[in-house]
Amino acid sequence: MGKFSKLILIGDIRQADIKNSGFEKVYDLFDDKKSSDKGIYTFKFGTEDIMRNDILAYIIEKFEELH
């Protein structure tokens, strides 16, 4: 990693076919002020960010009610 390098990790903690991937632990590890002060940022997207059909947002919301 050089001075102007970027590393982007993308994951879905709700992905059902991959159990215990560890992604949520990595996300939580860097989801703090010290990490953001060093230029490491975390983002979570919600159903309002879904750009596909509205029915998909509804289905995801219903599944989230199960948790």
C-alpha atoms as a PDB file:
ATOM      1  CA  MET A   1       0.000   0.000   0.000  1.00  0.00           C
ATOM      2  CA  GLY A   2       1.476   3.281  -1.133  1.00  0.00           C
ATOM      3  CA  LYS A   3       0.652   6.838  -0.126  1.00  0.00           C
ATOM      4  CA  PHE A   4      -2.191   7.264  -2.619  1.00  0.00           C
ATOM      5  CA  SER A   5      -3.390   3.651  -2.628  1.00  0.00           C
ATOM      6  CA  LYS A   6      -6.945   2.657  -1.803  1.00  0.00           C
ATOM      7  CA  LEU A   7      -8.256  -0.676  -0.588  1.00  0.00           C
ATOM      8  CA  ILE A   8     -11.984  -1.314  -0.714  1.00  0.00           C
ATOM      9  CA  LEU A   9     -13.588  -4.280   1.055  1.00  0.00           C
ATOM     10  CA  ILE A  10     -17.186  -5.056   0.185  1.00  0.00           C
ATOM     11  CA  GLY A  11     -19.334  -7.566   2.002  1.00  0.00           C
ATOM     12  CA  ASP A  12     -22.850  -8.451   3.006  1.00  0.00           C
ATOM     13  CA  ILE A  13     -23.253  -9.633   6.595  1.00  0.00           C
ATOM     14  CA  ARG A  14     -26.717 -10.945   5.723  1.00  0.00           C
ATOM     15  CA  GLN A  15     -25.560 -13.151   2.849  1.00  0.00           C
ATOM     16  CA  ALA A  16     -27.191 -16.448   3.742  1.00  0.00           C
ATOM     17  CA  ASP A  17     -24.984 -18.824   1.753  1.00  0.00           C
ATOM     18  CA  ILE A  18     -21.772 -17.858   3.580  1.00  0.00           C
ATOM     19  CA  LYS A  19     -21.970 -18.647   7.277  1.00  0.00           C
ATOM     20  CA  ASN A  20     -19.417 -17.167   9.690  1.00  0.00           C
ATOM     21  CA  SER A  21     -17.436 -15.341   6.999  1.00  0.00           C
ATOM     22  CA  GLY A  22     -15.968 -13.017   9.611  1.00  0.00           C
ATOM     23  CA  PHE A  23     -16.891  -9.925   7.621  1.00  0.00           C
ATOM     24  CA  GLU A  24     -19.047  -8.486  10.406  1.00  0.00           C
ATOM     25  CA  LYS A  25     -16.129  -8.794  12.849  1.00  0.00           C
ATOM     26  CA  VAL A  26     -13.821  -6.956  10.435  1.00  0.00           C
ATOM     27  CA  TYR A  27     -16.467  -4.260   9.932  1.00  0.00           C
ATOM     28  CA  ASP A  28     -16.924  -3.819  13.688  1.00  0.00           C
ATOM     29  CA  LEU A  29     -13.154  -3.726  14.212  1.00  0.00           C
ATOM     30  CA  PHE A  30     -12.782  -0.630  12.008  1.00  0.00           C
ATOM     31  CA  ASP A  31     -16.123   1.051  12.773  1.00  0.00           C
ATOM     32  CA  ASP A  32     -14.734   3.541  15.283  1.00  0.00           C
ATOM     33  CA  LYS A  33     -13.383   7.085  15.533  1.00  0.00           C
ATOM     34  CA  LYS A  34      -9.714   6.067  15.661  1.00  0.00           C
ATOM     35  CA  SER A  35     -10.059   4.191  12.365  1.00  0.00           C
ATOM     36  CA  SER A  36     -11.842   7.084  10.646  1.00  0.00           C
ATOM     37  CA  ASP A  37      -9.169   9.486  11.963  1.00  0.00           C
ATOM     38  CA  LYS A  38      -6.615   7.307  10.155  1.00  0.00           C
ATOM     39  CA  GLY A  39      -8.668   7.360   6.928  1.00  0.00           C
ATOM     40  CA  ILE A  40     -10.438   4.015   7.314  1.00  0.00           C
ATOM     41  CA  TYR A  41     -14.178   4.407   6.817  1.00  0.00           C
ATOM     42  CA  THR A  42     -17.101   2.030   7.149  1.00  0.00           C
ATOM     43  CA  PHE A  43     -20.499   2.355   5.490  1.00  0.00           C
ATOM     44  CA  LYS A  44     -23.765   0.473   5.848  1.00  0.00           C
ATOM     45  CA  PHE A  45     -26.479   0.628   3.243  1.00  0.00           C
ATOM     46  CA  GLY A  46     -30.148   0.270   4.073  1.00  0.00           C
ATOM     47  CA  THR A  47     -33.278  -0.497   2.129  1.00  0.00           C
ATOM     48  CA  GLU A  48     -33.534   3.182   1.153  1.00  0.00           C
ATOM     49  CA  ASP A  49     -30.327   2.700  -0.872  1.00  0.00           C
ATOM     50  CA  ILE A  50     -31.793  -0.053  -3.069  1.00  0.00           C
ATOM     51  CA  MET A  51     -31.957   1.198  -6.644  1.00  0.00           C
ATOM     52  CA  ARG A  52     -33.757  -1.824  -8.046  1.00  0.00           C
ATOM     53  CA  ASN A  53     -37.459  -2.581  -7.863  1.00  0.00           C
ATOM     54  CA  ASP A  54     -39.340  -1.324  -4.776  1.00  0.00           C
ATOM     55  CA  ILE A  55     -40.580  -4.857  -4.114  1.00  0.00           C
ATOM     56  CA  LEU A  56     -36.997  -5.898  -3.294  1.00  0.00           C
ATOM     57  CA  ALA A  57     -36.760  -3.252  -0.553  1.00  0.00           C
ATOM     58  CA  TYR A  58     -40.048  -4.505   0.880  1.00  0.00           C
ATOM     59  CA  ILE A  59     -38.876  -8.134   0.862  1.00  0.00           C
ATOM     60  CA  ILE A  60     -35.616  -7.232   2.613  1.00  0.00           C
ATOM     61  CA  GLU A  61     -37.493  -5.226   5.252  1.00  0.00           C
ATOM     62  CA  LYS A  62     -39.760  -8.213   5.947  1.00  0.00           C
ATOM     63  CA  PHE A  63     -36.764 -10.556   6.290  1.00  0.00           C
ATOM     64  CA  GLU A  64     -35.101  -8.093   8.685  1.00  0.00           C
ATOM     65  CA  GLU A  65     -38.172  -8.365  10.931  1.00  0.00           C
ATOM     66  CA  LEU A  66     -37.141 -11.984  11.550  1.00  0.00           C
ATOM     67  CA  HIS A  67     -33.883 -10.909  13.253  1.00  0.00           C
END
